[in-house]
């Protein structure tokens, strides 16, 4: 069963920021980690990821730095900033409200959040 692309598109920033909250990563690591954690439901392409990262960098949500990896290769790592952490909290709250509303519709208007 294919997942609608729009479900991922609207929440890619949330997912990227969450990964970076845990540790600094370079692009390919983000793609691989997201794929593994989602049981390969989310398979980002570099052409999707890097424009998002550049936008987040321009907005001060992430910072990039270069570090030499094995065999002289230089990789560009991304680090979440305090501004990015605030955005992560806001996007996470937005996601919870969205999921709650969808669940209420699917459950006929019943809310199981309050017990």
N, C-alpha and C. Protein backbone atom coordinates (compact mmCIF):
# COMPACT_ATOMS: atom_id res chain seq x y z
N UNK A 1 0.84 -1.18 0.00
CA UNK A 1 0.00 0.00 0.00
C UNK A 1 0.89 1.24 0.00
N UNK A 2 0.69 2.11 -0.94
CA UNK A 2 1.49 3.33 -1.05
C UNK A 2 0.92 4.40 -0.13
N UNK A 3 1.80 5.14 0.51
CA UNK A 3 1.38 6.23 1.36
C UNK A 3 1.31 7.49 0.52
N UNK A 4 0.30 8.30 0.79
CA UNK A 4 0.18 9.55 0.06
C UNK A 4 1.38 10.42 0.34
N UNK A 5 1.95 10.94 -0.73
CA UNK A 5 3.16 11.77 -0.60
C UNK A 5 2.89 13.01 0.24
N UNK A 6 1.67 13.54 0.18
CA UNK A 6 1.35 14.76 0.91
C UNK A 6 1.44 14.58 2.42
N UNK A 7 1.24 13.36 2.91
CA UNK A 7 1.34 13.11 4.35
C UNK A 7 2.77 13.37 4.81
N UNK A 8 3.74 12.92 4.05
CA UNK A 8 5.14 13.15 4.40
C UNK A 8 5.54 14.59 4.14
N UNK A 9 5.12 15.13 3.02
CA UNK A 9 5.54 16.48 2.61
C UNK A 9 5.27 17.51 3.69
N UNK A 10 4.09 17.48 4.28
CA UNK A 10 3.73 18.47 5.28
C UNK A 10 4.47 18.31 6.59
N UNK A 11 5.09 17.18 6.81
CA UNK A 11 5.70 16.91 8.11
C UNK A 11 7.19 16.59 8.03
N UNK A 12 7.78 16.78 6.88
CA UNK A 12 9.20 16.47 6.72
C UNK A 12 10.06 17.33 7.64
N UNK A 13 9.72 18.59 7.78
CA UNK A 13 10.48 19.48 8.66
C UNK A 13 10.47 18.95 10.09
N UNK A 14 9.31 18.53 10.56
CA UNK A 14 9.19 17.96 11.91
C UNK A 14 10.12 16.76 12.06
N UNK A 15 10.10 15.87 11.09
CA UNK A 15 10.91 14.65 11.17
C UNK A 15 12.41 14.96 11.15
N UNK A 16 12.81 15.88 10.30
CA UNK A 16 14.22 16.26 10.20
C UNK A 16 14.69 16.90 11.51
N UNK A 17 13.91 17.83 12.02
CA UNK A 17 14.29 18.48 13.28
C UNK A 17 14.37 17.48 14.42
N UNK A 18 13.47 16.50 14.44
CA UNK A 18 13.50 15.49 15.50
C UNK A 18 14.79 14.68 15.43
N UNK A 19 15.19 14.29 14.23
CA UNK A 19 16.45 13.55 14.08
C UNK A 19 17.63 14.38 14.56
N UNK A 20 17.63 15.67 14.22
CA UNK A 20 18.75 16.54 14.59
C UNK A 20 18.74 16.90 16.07
N UNK A 21 17.59 16.78 16.71
CA UNK A 21 17.53 17.02 18.15
C UNK A 21 18.33 15.94 18.87
N UNK A 22 18.34 14.74 18.31
CA UNK A 22 19.02 13.62 18.93
C UNK A 22 20.52 13.64 18.70
N UNK A 23 20.94 14.05 17.50
CA UNK A 23 22.37 14.14 17.19
C UNK A 23 22.58 14.86 15.88
N UNK A 24 23.78 15.40 15.70
CA UNK A 24 24.14 16.02 14.44
C UNK A 24 24.29 14.94 13.38
N UNK A 25 23.80 15.21 12.19
CA UNK A 25 23.84 14.23 11.11
C UNK A 25 24.18 14.91 9.80
N UNK A 26 24.71 14.13 8.86
CA UNK A 26 24.85 14.63 7.49
C UNK A 26 23.68 14.08 6.69
N UNK A 27 23.47 14.63 5.52
CA UNK A 27 22.28 14.34 4.73
C UNK A 27 21.96 12.87 4.53
N UNK A 28 22.93 12.10 4.08
CA UNK A 28 22.68 10.69 3.81
C UNK A 28 22.27 9.95 5.09
N UNK A 29 22.86 10.33 6.23
CA UNK A 29 22.48 9.72 7.51
C UNK A 29 21.01 10.00 7.82
N UNK A 30 20.57 11.22 7.54
CA UNK A 30 19.16 11.56 7.78
C UNK A 30 18.25 10.71 6.92
N UNK A 31 18.59 10.58 5.66
CA UNK A 31 17.78 9.78 4.73
C UNK A 31 17.70 8.33 5.22
N UNK A 32 18.83 7.76 5.58
CA UNK A 32 18.89 6.37 6.03
C UNK A 32 18.16 6.17 7.36
N UNK A 33 18.37 7.06 8.30
CA UNK A 33 17.75 6.94 9.62
C UNK A 33 16.23 7.06 9.51
N UNK A 34 15.77 8.01 8.74
CA UNK A 34 14.34 8.19 8.55
C UNK A 34 13.71 6.96 7.90
N UNK A 35 14.39 6.42 6.92
CA UNK A 35 13.89 5.22 6.25
C UNK A 35 13.81 4.04 7.22
N UNK A 36 14.89 3.82 7.98
CA UNK A 36 14.92 2.69 8.92
C UNK A 36 13.87 2.83 10.01
N UNK A 37 13.76 4.01 10.60
CA UNK A 37 12.83 4.21 11.71
C UNK A 37 11.37 4.12 11.27
N UNK A 38 11.12 4.36 10.01
CA UNK A 38 9.74 4.33 9.51
C UNK A 38 9.43 3.02 8.80
N UNK A 39 10.28 2.01 8.98
CA UNK A 39 10.12 0.75 8.27
C UNK A 39 10.01 0.98 6.77
N UNK A 40 10.85 1.89 6.30
CA UNK A 40 10.97 2.24 4.88
C UNK A 40 9.72 2.88 4.29
N UNK A 41 8.87 3.44 5.17
CA UNK A 41 7.69 4.16 4.71
C UNK A 41 8.11 5.52 4.15
N UNK A 42 9.11 6.15 4.79
CA UNK A 42 9.58 7.46 4.36
C UNK A 42 10.94 7.31 3.70
N UNK A 43 10.97 7.42 2.41
CA UNK A 43 12.21 7.33 1.64
C UNK A 43 12.45 8.66 0.95
N UNK A 44 13.11 9.56 1.67
CA UNK A 44 13.41 10.88 1.11
C UNK A 44 14.48 10.77 0.04
N UNK A 45 14.38 11.62 -0.94
CA UNK A 45 15.42 11.75 -1.95
C UNK A 45 16.28 12.96 -1.57
N UNK A 46 17.52 12.94 -1.98
CA UNK A 46 18.42 14.07 -1.70
C UNK A 46 17.83 15.36 -2.25
N UNK A 47 17.18 15.28 -3.40
CA UNK A 47 16.58 16.46 -4.01
C UNK A 47 15.43 17.04 -3.23
N UNK A 48 14.89 16.27 -2.30
CA UNK A 48 13.84 16.75 -1.40
C UNK A 48 14.46 17.25 -0.11
N UNK A 49 15.41 16.50 0.42
CA UNK A 49 16.01 16.82 1.72
C UNK A 49 16.82 18.12 1.70
N UNK A 50 17.72 18.27 0.75
CA UNK A 50 18.65 19.40 0.81
C UNK A 50 17.97 20.76 0.67
N UNK A 51 16.96 20.92 -0.17
CA UNK A 51 16.28 22.23 -0.16
C UNK A 51 15.62 22.54 1.19
N UNK A 52 15.11 21.52 1.86
CA UNK A 52 14.52 21.73 3.19
C UNK A 52 15.61 22.15 4.18
N UNK A 53 16.74 21.43 4.15
CA UNK A 53 17.85 21.78 5.04
C UNK A 53 18.36 23.19 4.78
N UNK A 54 18.48 23.56 3.51
CA UNK A 54 18.97 24.91 3.18
C UNK A 54 17.98 25.97 3.66
N UNK A 55 16.69 25.68 3.53
CA UNK A 55 15.68 26.61 4.03
C UNK A 55 15.75 26.75 5.54
N UNK A 56 15.90 25.63 6.24
CA UNK A 56 16.03 25.66 7.69
C UNK A 56 17.30 26.40 8.12
N UNK A 57 18.35 26.23 7.35
CA UNK A 57 19.60 26.92 7.65
C UNK A 57 19.42 28.43 7.45
N UNK A 58 18.78 28.82 6.36
CA UNK A 58 18.55 30.25 6.10
C UNK A 58 17.68 30.90 7.16
N UNK A 59 16.78 30.12 7.77
CA UNK A 59 15.88 30.63 8.82
C UNK A 59 16.51 30.55 10.20
N UNK A 60 17.73 30.02 10.30
CA UNK A 60 18.41 29.92 11.59
C UNK A 60 17.94 28.76 12.45
N UNK A 61 17.26 27.79 11.85
CA UNK A 61 16.76 26.64 12.60
C UNK A 61 17.83 25.56 12.75
N UNK A 62 18.72 25.49 11.79
CA UNK A 62 19.85 24.56 11.83
C UNK A 62 21.11 25.30 11.41
N UNK A 63 22.22 24.76 11.82
CA UNK A 63 23.53 25.27 11.40
C UNK A 63 24.28 24.11 10.76
N UNK A 64 25.07 24.44 9.76
CA UNK A 64 25.86 23.42 9.08
C UNK A 64 27.34 23.65 9.40
N UNK A 65 28.06 22.55 9.48
CA UNK A 65 29.51 22.63 9.64
C UNK A 65 30.12 21.44 8.92
N UNK A 66 31.37 21.59 8.55
CA UNK A 66 32.06 20.51 7.84
C UNK A 66 33.01 19.80 8.77
N UNK A 67 33.11 18.49 8.58
CA UNK A 67 34.01 17.68 9.39
C UNK A 67 34.61 16.60 8.51
N UNK A 68 35.88 16.37 8.73
CA UNK A 68 36.58 15.34 7.95
C UNK A 68 36.21 13.96 8.48
N UNK A 69 35.77 13.11 7.59
CA UNK A 69 35.39 11.75 7.96
C UNK A 69 36.52 10.81 7.54
N UNK A 70 36.22 9.52 7.59
CA UNK A 70 37.23 8.53 7.24
C UNK A 70 37.74 8.76 5.82
N UNK A 71 39.02 8.53 5.61
CA UNK A 71 39.61 8.63 4.28
C UNK A 71 39.63 10.01 3.68
N UNK A 72 39.78 11.05 4.48
CA UNK A 72 39.91 12.42 3.99
C UNK A 72 38.62 13.03 3.44
N UNK A 73 37.53 12.31 3.47
CA UNK A 73 36.28 12.84 2.94
C UNK A 73 35.73 13.89 3.91
N UNK A 74 35.30 15.02 3.37
CA UNK A 74 34.70 16.07 4.18
C UNK A 74 33.18 15.98 4.03
N UNK A 75 32.49 15.93 5.17
CA UNK A 75 31.04 15.84 5.17
C UNK A 75 30.45 17.09 5.82
N UNK A 76 29.28 17.46 5.34
CA UNK A 76 28.56 18.60 5.90
C UNK A 76 27.52 18.08 6.88
N UNK A 77 27.72 18.40 8.13
CA UNK A 77 26.81 17.98 9.19
C UNK A 77 25.86 19.12 9.53
N UNK A 78 24.70 18.76 10.05
CA UNK A 78 23.70 19.74 10.45
C UNK A 78 23.42 19.60 11.94
N UNK A 79 23.23 20.74 12.58
CA UNK A 79 23.02 20.84 14.02
C UNK A 79 21.79 21.71 14.27
N UNK A 80 20.87 21.25 15.11
CA UNK A 80 19.68 22.05 15.42
C UNK A 80 20.06 23.18 16.38
N UNK A 81 19.51 24.35 16.15
CA UNK A 81 19.75 25.50 17.02
C UNK A 81 18.63 25.61 18.04
N UNK A 82 18.77 26.54 18.99
CA UNK A 82 17.70 26.74 19.98
C UNK A 82 16.43 27.21 19.28
N UNK A 83 16.56 28.00 18.24
CA UNK A 83 15.40 28.43 17.45
C UNK A 83 14.75 27.22 16.78
N UNK A 84 15.55 26.31 16.29
CA UNK A 84 15.04 25.09 15.68
C UNK A 84 14.34 24.20 16.68
N UNK A 85 14.85 24.18 17.91
CA UNK A 85 14.21 23.38 18.97
C UNK A 85 12.82 23.93 19.29
N UNK A 86 12.69 25.25 19.28
CA UNK A 86 11.38 25.87 19.51
C UNK A 86 10.42 25.51 18.38
N UNK A 87 10.91 25.54 17.15
CA UNK A 87 10.08 25.15 16.01
C UNK A 87 9.67 23.68 16.12
N UNK A 88 10.58 22.84 16.57
CA UNK A 88 10.27 21.42 16.75
C UNK A 88 9.13 21.23 17.74
N UNK A 89 9.17 21.94 18.85
CA UNK A 89 8.10 21.85 19.85
C UNK A 89 6.78 22.30 19.23
N UNK A 90 6.80 23.41 18.50
CA UNK A 90 5.57 23.93 17.88
C UNK A 90 5.03 22.96 16.84
N UNK A 91 5.91 22.42 16.00
CA UNK A 91 5.48 21.48 14.96
C UNK A 91 4.96 20.18 15.58
N UNK A 92 5.57 19.75 16.67
CA UNK A 92 5.12 18.54 17.36
C UNK A 92 3.72 18.75 17.92
N UNK A 93 3.46 19.91 18.51
CA UNK A 93 2.13 20.22 19.03
C UNK A 93 1.11 20.28 17.89
N UNK A 94 1.50 20.88 16.79
CA UNK A 94 0.64 20.95 15.60
C UNK A 94 0.29 19.53 15.13
N UNK A 95 1.30 18.65 15.10
CA UNK A 95 1.09 17.27 14.68
C UNK A 95 0.11 16.55 15.62
N UNK A 96 0.29 16.73 16.93
CA UNK A 96 -0.60 16.08 17.90
C UNK A 96 -2.05 16.52 17.70
N UNK A 97 -2.26 17.81 17.45
CA UNK A 97 -3.61 18.32 17.22
C UNK A 97 -4.19 17.70 15.95
N UNK A 98 -3.38 17.62 14.93
CA UNK A 98 -3.82 17.04 13.65
C UNK A 98 -4.22 15.58 13.84
N UNK A 99 -3.35 14.79 14.47
CA UNK A 99 -3.62 13.38 14.70
C UNK A 99 -4.87 13.21 15.57
N UNK A 100 -5.00 14.04 16.59
CA UNK A 100 -6.18 13.98 17.45
C UNK A 100 -7.46 14.25 16.68
N UNK A 101 -7.43 15.25 15.81
CA UNK A 101 -8.61 15.57 15.01
C UNK A 101 -8.95 14.45 14.04
N UNK A 102 -7.94 13.88 13.39
CA UNK A 102 -8.17 12.77 12.47
C UNK A 102 -8.77 11.59 13.23
N UNK A 103 -8.21 11.28 14.39
CA UNK A 103 -8.72 10.16 15.20
C UNK A 103 -10.16 10.41 15.63
N UNK A 104 -10.50 11.63 15.95
CA UNK A 104 -11.88 11.93 16.34
C UNK A 104 -12.82 11.69 15.17
N UNK A 105 -12.43 12.09 13.98
CA UNK A 105 -13.27 11.85 12.80
C UNK A 105 -13.41 10.35 12.56
N UNK A 106 -12.29 9.64 12.62
CA UNK A 106 -12.33 8.20 12.38
C UNK A 106 -13.13 7.44 13.44
N UNK A 107 -13.18 7.97 14.64
CA UNK A 107 -13.90 7.32 15.74
C UNK A 107 -15.30 7.90 15.93
N UNK A 108 -15.82 8.57 14.92
CA UNK A 108 -17.19 9.08 15.00
C UNK A 108 -17.37 10.24 15.95
N UNK A 109 -16.31 11.00 16.17
CA UNK A 109 -16.40 12.18 17.05
C UNK A 109 -16.08 11.89 18.50
N UNK A 110 -15.79 10.63 18.81
CA UNK A 110 -15.44 10.27 20.18
C UNK A 110 -13.97 10.56 20.44
N UNK A 111 -13.67 11.08 21.58
CA UNK A 111 -12.30 11.34 21.97
C UNK A 111 -11.90 10.39 23.08
N UNK A 112 -10.84 9.66 22.86
CA UNK A 112 -10.33 8.73 23.86
C UNK A 112 -9.16 9.34 24.63
N UNK A 113 -8.87 10.60 24.36
CA UNK A 113 -7.74 11.26 25.01
C UNK A 113 -8.01 11.51 26.50
N UNK A 114 -9.28 11.74 26.84
CA UNK A 114 -9.61 11.98 28.23
C UNK A 114 -10.26 10.75 28.83
N UNK A 115 -9.62 10.21 29.83
CA UNK A 115 -10.13 8.99 30.46
C UNK A 115 -10.55 9.29 31.88
